């Protein structure tokens, strides 16, 4: 039997939304242009860490992960293992990235490719990253709206409007500083609430209940395990929101500490979500895996705590959505406007605010058409794999040419689109995109060898 939403639940939700909007207002006071765009490049370890973790813990990740726990048990933790390892691995590259960006006013991921390989590769990378980031932004908003509608009884249009208006207000007011400040509050809220709800849903962490879930673990098949681990390792190399926080960090030590702490906290969140997912798998049967977490909240939580479940969803959704929103707008403004037609510095923040409003309006309209969150998440991971492999290649192979990178990007992207059309969309699609991108590198290299031989002959 589903738990009804009470006045206390509505009050908890209202207080949370008021707090994040207030943070946006406070962040807007006495703020410089660089403060709005990149937090004055002065983020300390705590703020940087909470922002990195919060921006990577969104609706798509949470709902997909709990669905996998419901289906396959604790084996699904491989996703969080991979991503945590990815944060550690990324430290090596992030150090070079931080040094390279010093004094060059990098704002987003594509600035790296523009700087190293010129405009053509820069625009190609910016286009792929923009498509992926807009899609993952939509996943957050749609997942959030469905969660709010399911838990509170609001209609879907009302729910998504509530999310979009809240995000719009504090993002337009405080810019990147507001995103970071709200991320900190949202992450603290998420950890506190998931511990609280896990305590309730597992009947005070009843080890008999949890152990019974562990004994019926069905084990995730090998291919998805490998896919999740590889994708997790590569995620930081293709996450524009993480790159922005590398640029925004105060110094190299801040970057290194933030990534180490992020790895630990991210895995902790995965472990907590795994416990909740196991509790749901034992208590509830024959439910839609995609809705397992929502069903668990509405069925296993008492009245008065359902609002905390909704706040958990909103914190996860908004902490990711605002980061992806800001990353999208940064790409649009810096890569597709300023590089083509320079804008006066005084008008740059104004242009950012207009772009935020337009992009959120487009997302609102598209959200009624996009259907499957899980499939969209897999497409995002697939596109991210292309950029990630190109990023790793530029780091490992210092002398790799722009033509080789361009060939990998184009063949990876075109081949991925073909696979999306002709094959079922699942997590294995990401491995195909990685193979296609590497194949693009090899193809360009072979062409170069052939032409060299023809010239010598």
Protein backbone atom coordinates (compact mmCIF):
# COMPACT_ATOMS: atom_id res chain seq x y z
CA UNK A 1 0.00 0.00 0.00
CA UNK A 2 1.36 3.40 -1.02
CA UNK A 3 2.03 5.98 1.68
CA UNK A 4 0.02 9.24 1.27
CA UNK A 5 1.91 12.53 1.01
CA UNK A 6 1.29 14.55 4.19
CA UNK A 7 1.48 18.25 5.07
CA UNK A 8 4.81 17.57 6.78
CA UNK A 9 6.13 16.11 3.54
CA UNK A 10 5.06 19.19 1.57
CA UNK A 11 6.66 21.43 4.22
CA UNK A 12 10.00 19.56 4.06
CA UNK A 13 9.99 19.95 0.27
CA UNK A 14 9.11 23.66 0.41
CA UNK A 15 11.84 24.40 2.99
CA UNK A 16 14.43 22.65 0.83
CA UNK A 17 13.53 24.63 -2.31
CA UNK A 18 13.57 27.90 -0.37
CA UNK A 19 17.06 27.12 0.98
CA UNK A 20 18.61 26.48 -2.46
CA UNK A 21 17.00 29.61 -3.91
CA UNK A 22 18.29 31.63 -0.94
CA UNK A 23 21.80 30.29 -1.59
CA UNK A 24 21.57 31.52 -5.17
CA UNK A 25 20.55 34.96 -3.96
CA UNK A 26 23.44 35.11 -1.44
CA UNK A 27 25.94 33.98 -4.09
CA UNK A 28 24.83 36.81 -6.40
CA UNK A 29 25.95 39.55 -3.99
CA UNK A 30 29.15 41.45 -4.84
CA UNK A 31 30.05 38.98 -7.55
CA UNK A 32 32.56 39.59 -10.36
CA UNK A 33 32.21 38.36 -13.94
CA UNK A 34 34.76 35.57 -13.28
CA UNK A 35 32.89 34.72 -10.09
CA UNK A 36 29.70 34.18 -12.08
CA UNK A 37 31.42 32.21 -14.84
CA UNK A 38 33.98 30.09 -12.93
CA UNK A 39 33.86 30.99 -9.18
CA UNK A 40 36.95 33.24 -9.52
CA UNK A 41 39.04 30.04 -9.97
CA UNK A 42 39.37 29.92 -6.20
CA UNK A 43 37.43 26.87 -5.01
CA UNK A 44 38.81 25.19 -1.90
CA UNK A 45 38.99 21.43 -1.33
CA UNK A 46 35.68 20.98 0.51
CA UNK A 47 33.58 22.97 -1.95
CA UNK A 48 35.30 21.42 -4.95
CA UNK A 49 34.85 17.88 -3.60
CA UNK A 50 31.17 18.23 -2.75
CA UNK A 51 30.50 19.86 -6.11
CA UNK A 52 32.27 17.08 -8.06
CA UNK A 53 30.41 14.31 -6.23
CA UNK A 54 27.03 16.04 -6.27
CA UNK A 55 27.21 16.82 -9.98
CA UNK A 56 27.91 13.14 -10.72
CA UNK A 57 25.09 11.77 -8.55
CA UNK A 58 22.00 12.47 -10.60
CA UNK A 59 18.56 11.01 -11.22
CA UNK A 60 19.67 8.85 -14.12
CA UNK A 61 22.54 7.30 -12.16
CA UNK A 62 20.50 6.71 -8.99
CA UNK A 63 17.40 5.24 -10.63
CA UNK A 64 19.38 3.12 -13.10
CA UNK A 65 21.69 1.85 -10.35
CA UNK A 66 18.87 0.88 -7.96
CA UNK A 67 17.10 -0.83 -10.88
CA UNK A 68 20.26 -2.89 -11.50
CA UNK A 69 20.55 -3.72 -7.78
CA UNK A 70 16.90 -4.84 -7.85
CA UNK A 71 17.63 -7.09 -10.84
CA UNK A 72 21.16 -8.32 -10.13
CA UNK A 73 21.87 -7.63 -6.46
CA UNK A 74 25.11 -6.20 -5.11
CA UNK A 75 27.00 -6.95 -8.37
CA UNK A 76 25.69 -3.65 -9.69
CA UNK A 77 28.19 -1.87 -7.40
CA UNK A 78 30.71 -2.28 -10.22
CA UNK A 79 29.49 1.02 -11.67
CA UNK A 80 30.47 2.93 -8.53
CA UNK A 81 33.71 0.94 -8.23
CA UNK A 82 34.64 1.95 -11.76
CA UNK A 83 33.76 5.62 -11.35
CA UNK A 84 35.60 5.87 -8.01
CA UNK A 85 38.66 4.33 -9.65
CA UNK A 86 38.17 6.80 -12.49
CA UNK A 87 38.50 9.76 -10.11
CA UNK A 88 41.82 8.38 -8.84
CA UNK A 89 43.11 7.66 -12.34
CA UNK A 90 42.04 11.12 -13.52
CA UNK A 91 44.34 12.77 -10.95
CA UNK A 92 47.33 12.08 -13.22
CA UNK A 93 45.74 13.87 -16.17
CA UNK A 94 44.10 16.58 -14.06
CA UNK A 95 47.51 17.77 -12.86
CA UNK A 96 48.65 18.39 -16.45
CA UNK A 97 45.28 19.96 -17.26
CA UNK A 98 45.44 22.37 -14.33
CA UNK A 99 48.97 23.48 -15.28
CA UNK A 100 48.02 23.89 -18.93
CA UNK A 101 44.91 25.95 -18.13
CA UNK A 102 46.79 28.34 -15.85
CA UNK A 103 46.50 31.87 -17.20
CA UNK A 104 44.65 30.74 -20.35
CA UNK A 105 41.06 31.32 -19.19
CA UNK A 106 39.76 27.82 -19.92
CA UNK A 107 36.07 27.50 -19.09
CA UNK A 108 34.98 24.12 -20.45
CA UNK A 109 36.21 20.76 -21.74
CA UNK A 110 36.44 21.82 -25.39
CA UNK A 111 38.84 24.68 -24.58
CA UNK A 112 41.49 21.97 -24.16
CA UNK A 113 40.94 20.65 -27.70
CA UNK A 114 40.76 24.18 -29.16
CA UNK A 115 44.07 25.03 -27.51
CA UNK A 116 45.94 21.86 -28.50
CA UNK A 117 44.47 21.03 -31.92
CA UNK A 118 42.83 24.14 -33.36
CA UNK A 119 39.32 25.23 -34.27
CA UNK A 120 38.18 22.25 -36.36
CA UNK A 121 38.84 19.65 -33.66
CA UNK A 122 37.61 22.10 -31.04
CA UNK A 123 34.25 22.58 -32.74
CA UNK A 124 33.83 18.83 -33.35
CA UNK A 125 34.55 18.04 -29.69
CA UNK A 126 32.27 20.87 -28.53
CA UNK A 127 29.42 19.54 -30.69
CA UNK A 128 29.68 15.97 -29.34
CA UNK A 129 30.00 17.15 -25.74
CA UNK A 130 27.06 19.53 -26.15
CA UNK A 131 24.76 16.80 -27.50
CA UNK A 132 25.74 14.42 -24.67
CA UNK A 133 25.39 17.10 -21.99
CA UNK A 134 21.98 18.29 -23.20
CA UNK A 135 20.75 14.69 -23.19
CA UNK A 136 21.99 14.02 -19.65
CA UNK A 137 20.44 17.32 -18.54
CA UNK A 138 17.13 16.10 -19.95
CA UNK A 139 17.53 12.79 -18.09
CA UNK A 140 17.90 14.67 -14.79
CA UNK A 141 14.88 16.88 -15.42
CA UNK A 142 12.62 14.08 -16.66
CA UNK A 143 13.69 11.71 -13.89
CA UNK A 144 13.15 14.45 -11.34
CA UNK A 145 9.74 15.36 -12.68
CA UNK A 146 8.64 11.71 -12.68
CA UNK A 147 9.89 11.30 -9.10
CA UNK A 148 8.08 14.42 -7.87
CA UNK A 149 4.89 13.42 -9.70
CA UNK A 150 5.01 9.88 -8.32
CA UNK A 151 5.79 10.85 -4.73
CA UNK A 152 3.78 14.06 -4.32
CA UNK A 153 0.78 13.59 -6.59
CA UNK A 154 1.59 16.70 -8.67
CA UNK A 155 1.09 16.38 -12.42
CA UNK A 156 4.13 15.81 -14.64
CA UNK A 157 4.00 19.33 -16.23
CA UNK A 158 3.72 20.93 -12.76
CA UNK A 159 6.60 18.82 -11.44
CA UNK A 160 9.02 19.63 -14.23
CA UNK A 161 8.08 23.32 -14.09
CA UNK A 162 8.79 23.34 -10.37
CA UNK A 163 12.26 21.92 -10.99
CA UNK A 164 13.08 24.18 -13.93
CA UNK A 165 11.93 27.38 -12.22
CA UNK A 166 13.90 26.58 -9.05
CA UNK A 167 17.09 25.80 -10.99
CA UNK A 168 16.59 28.86 -13.21
CA UNK A 169 16.26 31.25 -10.27
CA UNK A 170 19.41 30.33 -8.36
CA UNK A 171 21.52 29.70 -11.49
CA UNK A 172 20.64 33.04 -13.09
CA UNK A 173 21.18 34.86 -9.78
CA UNK A 174 24.47 33.34 -8.65
CA UNK A 175 25.99 31.62 -11.68
CA UNK A 176 28.74 29.06 -11.10
CA UNK A 177 29.18 30.14 -7.47
CA UNK A 178 25.53 29.36 -6.81
CA UNK A 179 25.91 25.98 -8.50
CA UNK A 180 28.83 25.10 -6.20
CA UNK A 181 27.15 26.40 -3.03
CA UNK A 182 23.93 24.49 -3.71
CA UNK A 183 25.92 21.37 -4.64
CA UNK A 184 27.44 21.39 -1.14
CA UNK A 185 24.05 21.60 0.56
CA UNK A 186 22.56 19.04 -1.82
CA UNK A 187 25.31 16.47 -1.25
CA UNK A 188 25.09 16.81 2.55
CA UNK A 189 21.32 16.43 2.25
CA UNK A 190 21.65 13.34 0.05
CA UNK A 191 24.07 11.52 2.35
CA UNK A 192 22.06 12.34 5.48
CA UNK A 193 18.74 11.36 3.91
CA UNK A 194 19.94 8.10 2.31
CA UNK A 195 21.35 6.99 5.67
CA UNK A 196 18.06 7.92 7.36
CA UNK A 197 15.89 6.22 4.74
CA UNK A 198 18.19 3.20 4.55
CA UNK A 199 17.85 2.86 8.32
CA UNK A 200 14.05 2.87 8.04
CA UNK A 201 13.72 0.76 4.89
CA UNK A 202 16.04 -1.98 6.17
CA UNK A 203 14.24 -1.94 9.55
CA UNK A 204 17.13 -0.38 11.44
CA UNK A 205 19.72 -2.06 9.20
CA UNK A 206 18.31 -5.51 9.95
CA UNK A 207 21.22 -7.78 8.98
CA UNK A 208 18.89 -10.74 8.47
CA UNK A 209 17.03 -8.77 5.80
CA UNK A 210 20.24 -7.58 4.13
CA UNK A 211 21.95 -10.98 4.29
CA UNK A 212 18.90 -12.62 2.72
CA UNK A 213 19.24 -10.18 -0.20
CA UNK A 214 22.94 -10.97 -0.50
CA UNK A 215 22.32 -14.72 -0.67
CA UNK A 216 19.94 -14.40 -3.63
CA UNK A 217 22.32 -12.23 -5.61
CA UNK A 218 21.86 -13.07 -9.30
CA UNK A 219 25.20 -11.58 -10.35
CA UNK A 220 25.50 -9.06 -13.14
CA UNK A 221 26.69 -10.65 -16.40
CA UNK A 222 30.40 -10.24 -17.23
CA UNK A 223 29.94 -7.87 -20.20
CA UNK A 224 27.93 -5.25 -18.24
CA UNK A 225 30.43 -5.53 -15.36
CA UNK A 226 33.33 -4.83 -17.70
CA UNK A 227 31.35 -2.09 -19.46
CA UNK A 228 30.47 -0.33 -16.21
CA UNK A 229 34.05 -0.53 -14.93
CA UNK A 230 35.59 0.79 -18.16
CA UNK A 231 32.97 3.54 -18.48
CA UNK A 232 33.55 4.48 -14.84
CA UNK A 233 37.29 4.81 -15.42
CA UNK A 234 36.67 7.03 -18.47
CA UNK A 235 33.80 9.17 -17.11
CA UNK A 236 35.99 11.99 -15.70
CA UNK A 237 37.76 12.35 -19.06
CA UNK A 238 34.41 13.15 -20.71
CA UNK A 239 32.58 15.05 -17.95
CA UNK A 240 32.52 18.80 -18.71
CA UNK A 241 31.32 19.56 -15.18
CA UNK A 242 34.44 17.88 -13.69
CA UNK A 243 36.77 19.74 -16.06
CA UNK A 244 35.13 23.02 -15.03
CA UNK A 245 35.89 22.23 -11.40
CA UNK A 246 39.52 21.51 -12.27
CA UNK A 247 39.73 24.99 -13.81
CA UNK A 248 37.87 26.50 -10.85
CA UNK A 249 40.07 24.90 -8.16
CA UNK A 250 42.42 27.18 -6.24
CA UNK A 251 45.59 25.17 -7.05
CA UNK A 252 46.95 21.75 -8.00
CA UNK A 253 46.84 20.39 -4.43
CA UNK A 254 43.15 21.29 -4.24
CA UNK A 255 42.54 19.33 -7.44
CA UNK A 256 44.36 16.25 -6.15
CA UNK A 257 42.72 16.25 -2.72
CA UNK A 258 39.28 16.85 -4.23
CA UNK A 259 39.53 13.86 -6.57
CA UNK A 260 40.77 11.50 -3.85
CA UNK A 261 37.95 12.54 -1.50
CA UNK A 262 35.44 12.37 -4.37
CA UNK A 263 36.42 8.76 -5.07
CA UNK A 264 35.82 7.78 -1.42
CA UNK A 265 32.51 9.67 -1.02
CA UNK A 266 31.15 8.48 -4.37
CA UNK A 267 31.78 4.85 -3.48
CA UNK A 268 30.16 5.42 -0.06
CA UNK A 269 27.01 6.76 -1.76
CA UNK A 270 26.99 3.72 -4.04
CA UNK A 271 27.25 1.38 -1.06
CA UNK A 272 24.37 3.16 0.73
CA UNK A 273 22.19 3.03 -2.39
CA UNK A 274 23.06 -0.66 -2.75
CA UNK A 275 21.73 -1.34 0.76
CA UNK A 276 18.49 0.48 -0.06
CA UNK A 277 18.19 -1.41 -3.36
CA UNK A 278 18.72 -4.74 -1.62
CA UNK A 279 16.01 -3.89 0.92
CA UNK A 280 13.60 -3.09 -1.91
CA UNK A 281 14.45 -6.35 -3.73
CA UNK A 282 13.57 -8.37 -0.61
CA UNK A 283 10.42 -6.48 0.39
CA UNK A 284 8.88 -5.84 -3.04
CA UNK A 285 8.40 -8.28 -5.91
CA UNK A 286 7.24 -8.08 -9.52
CA UNK A 287 7.66 -4.32 -9.87
CA UNK A 288 9.12 -2.31 -12.76
CA UNK A 289 12.91 -2.19 -12.08
CA UNK A 290 13.11 1.34 -13.54
CA UNK A 291 10.72 2.48 -10.80
CA UNK A 292 12.17 0.33 -8.00
CA UNK A 293 13.45 3.26 -5.92
CA UNK A 294 10.20 5.20 -6.28
CA UNK A 295 8.16 2.10 -5.40
CA UNK A 296 10.41 1.52 -2.39
CA UNK A 297 9.95 5.06 -1.13
CA UNK A 298 6.17 5.16 -1.61
CA UNK A 299 5.61 1.68 -0.16
CA UNK A 300 8.22 1.25 2.59
CA UNK A 301 8.45 4.78 4.03
CA UNK A 302 5.96 6.03 6.63
CA UNK A 303 4.08 9.30 6.25
CA UNK A 304 6.30 12.21 7.29
CA UNK A 305 9.42 10.65 5.82
CA UNK A 306 8.18 10.56 2.23
CA UNK A 307 9.07 14.25 1.96
CA UNK A 308 12.67 13.39 2.82
CA UNK A 309 12.63 10.86 -0.01
CA UNK A 310 11.43 13.57 -2.35
CA UNK A 311 14.11 15.98 -1.12
CA UNK A 312 16.69 13.24 -1.75
CA UNK A 313 15.53 13.00 -5.36
CA UNK A 314 15.43 16.77 -5.79
CA UNK A 315 18.91 17.19 -4.28
CA UNK A 316 20.32 14.52 -6.60
CA UNK A 317 18.53 15.91 -9.64
CA UNK A 318 19.21 19.60 -9.08
CA UNK A 319 22.87 19.11 -8.11
CA UNK A 320 23.46 17.39 -11.44
CA UNK A 321 21.03 19.36 -13.58
CA UNK A 322 22.45 22.76 -12.62
CA UNK A 323 26.00 21.55 -13.35
CA UNK A 324 25.03 20.13 -16.75
CA UNK A 325 23.00 23.25 -17.50
CA UNK A 326 25.94 25.51 -16.76
CA UNK A 327 28.28 23.27 -18.78
CA UNK A 328 25.89 23.38 -21.77
CA UNK A 329 25.56 27.15 -21.64
CA UNK A 330 29.33 27.53 -21.27
CA UNK A 331 29.85 25.50 -24.47
CA UNK A 332 27.18 27.45 -26.37
CA UNK A 333 28.42 30.87 -25.29
CA UNK A 334 32.21 30.35 -25.27
CA UNK A 335 32.56 27.91 -28.16
CA UNK A 336 29.73 28.75 -30.56
CA UNK A 337 29.24 32.47 -29.94
CA UNK A 338 32.35 34.16 -28.53
CA UNK A 339 34.77 32.27 -30.81
CA UNK A 340 32.76 33.25 -33.88
CA UNK A 341 31.76 36.77 -32.83
CA UNK A 342 33.50 38.20 -29.73
CA UNK A 343 31.21 39.68 -27.07
CA UNK A 344 32.00 42.63 -24.84
CA UNK A 345 32.93 41.46 -21.34
CA UNK A 346 30.13 43.49 -19.82
CA UNK A 347 27.54 41.62 -21.90
CA UNK A 348 28.90 38.11 -21.33
CA UNK A 349 27.04 37.43 -18.08
CA UNK A 350 23.84 38.81 -19.60
CA UNK A 351 24.24 36.46 -22.58
CA UNK A 352 24.78 33.55 -20.16
CA UNK A 353 21.53 34.35 -18.39
CA UNK A 354 19.56 34.56 -21.63
CA UNK A 355 21.08 31.26 -22.79
CA UNK A 356 20.09 29.57 -19.50
CA UNK A 357 16.48 30.69 -19.98
CA UNK A 358 16.31 29.54 -23.62
CA UNK A 359 17.93 26.16 -22.94
CA UNK A 360 15.60 25.41 -20.02
CA UNK A 361 12.60 26.34 -22.18
CA UNK A 362 13.78 23.93 -24.90
CA UNK A 363 14.31 21.20 -22.29
CA UNK A 364 10.79 21.75 -20.97
CA UNK A 365 9.30 21.24 -24.45
CA UNK A 366 11.48 18.23 -25.34
CA UNK A 367 10.77 16.54 -21.98
CA UNK A 368 7.26 15.64 -23.18
CA UNK A 369 8.70 13.77 -26.17
CA UNK A 370 11.69 11.89 -24.70
CA UNK A 371 10.59 8.52 -23.35
CA UNK A 372 13.21 6.18 -21.87
CA UNK A 373 15.61 7.63 -19.28
CA UNK A 374 17.69 4.46 -19.12
CA UNK A 375 18.24 4.27 -22.90
CA UNK A 376 19.06 7.99 -23.02
CA UNK A 377 21.60 7.48 -20.21
CA UNK A 378 23.28 4.70 -22.21
CA UNK A 379 23.46 7.00 -25.28
CA UNK A 380 25.08 9.69 -23.12
CA UNK A 381 27.65 7.22 -21.78
CA UNK A 382 28.35 6.13 -25.36
CA UNK A 383 29.02 9.68 -26.59
CA UNK A 384 31.10 10.33 -23.47
CA UNK A 385 33.22 7.31 -24.35
CA UNK A 386 34.24 8.95 -27.64
CA UNK A 387 35.46 12.14 -25.97
CA UNK A 388 37.07 10.21 -23.11
CA UNK A 389 39.17 8.02 -25.42
CA UNK A 390 40.25 11.09 -27.39
CA UNK A 391 41.21 12.85 -24.15
CA UNK A 392 43.21 9.86 -22.91
CA UNK A 393 44.93 9.56 -26.30
CA UNK A 394 46.05 13.21 -26.25
CA UNK A 395 47.48 12.67 -22.76
CA UNK A 396 49.22 9.32 -23.31
CA UNK A 397 50.37 9.98 -26.89
CA UNK A 398 51.82 13.46 -26.60
CA UNK A 399 52.62 13.74 -30.33
CA UNK A 400 49.29 12.49 -31.64
CA UNK A 401 48.14 14.66 -34.55
CA UNK A 402 44.94 16.65 -34.89
CA UNK A 403 43.93 14.58 -37.96
CA UNK A 404 44.16 11.39 -35.89
CA UNK A 405 42.00 12.86 -33.11
CA UNK A 406 39.52 14.21 -35.66
CA UNK A 407 39.28 10.83 -37.40
CA UNK A 408 38.59 9.11 -34.07
CA UNK A 409 35.88 11.62 -33.14
CA UNK A 410 34.11 11.51 -36.51
CA UNK A 411 34.24 7.73 -37.03
CA UNK A 412 33.30 7.14 -33.39
CA UNK A 413 30.31 9.49 -33.60
CA UNK A 414 29.00 8.37 -37.02
CA UNK A 415 29.46 4.69 -36.16
CA UNK A 416 27.69 5.20 -32.84
CA UNK A 417 24.69 6.82 -34.56
CA UNK A 418 24.48 3.83 -36.91
CA UNK A 419 24.60 1.39 -33.97
CA UNK A 420 21.87 3.34 -32.16
CA UNK A 421 19.63 2.99 -35.21
CA UNK A 422 20.23 -0.70 -35.98
CA UNK A 423 20.95 -2.27 -32.57
CA UNK A 424 19.23 -2.41 -29.16
CA UNK A 425 20.44 0.36 -26.85
CA UNK A 426 22.24 -1.03 -23.81
CA UNK A 427 25.42 -0.45 -21.83
CA UNK A 428 27.42 -2.52 -24.36
CA UNK A 429 26.91 0.31 -26.86
CA UNK A 430 29.59 2.29 -25.02
CA UNK A 431 32.19 -0.41 -25.69
CA UNK A 432 31.30 -0.26 -29.39
CA UNK A 433 31.84 3.52 -29.46
CA UNK A 434 35.22 3.14 -27.77
CA UNK A 435 36.25 0.49 -30.30
CA UNK A 436 35.05 2.70 -33.19
CA UNK A 437 37.00 5.69 -31.89
CA UNK A 438 40.20 3.66 -31.55
CA UNK A 439 39.48 2.24 -35.01
CA UNK A 440 39.31 5.82 -36.30
CA UNK A 441 42.80 6.49 -34.92
CA UNK A 442 44.16 3.35 -36.58
CA UNK A 443 42.38 4.14 -39.88
CA UNK A 444 43.98 7.60 -40.10
CA UNK A 445 47.39 6.17 -39.20
CA UNK A 446 47.15 3.53 -41.93
CA UNK A 447 46.07 6.13 -44.49
CA UNK A 448 49.09 8.25 -43.56
CA UNK A 449 51.43 5.28 -44.05
CA UNK A 450 49.88 4.47 -47.45
CA UNK A 451 50.23 8.05 -48.72
CA UNK A 452 53.82 8.23 -47.46
CA UNK A 453 54.73 5.10 -49.38
CA UNK A 454 53.09 6.43 -52.54
CA UNK A 455 55.11 9.63 -52.29
CA UNK A 456 58.38 7.76 -51.84
CA UNK A 457 57.58 5.57 -54.84
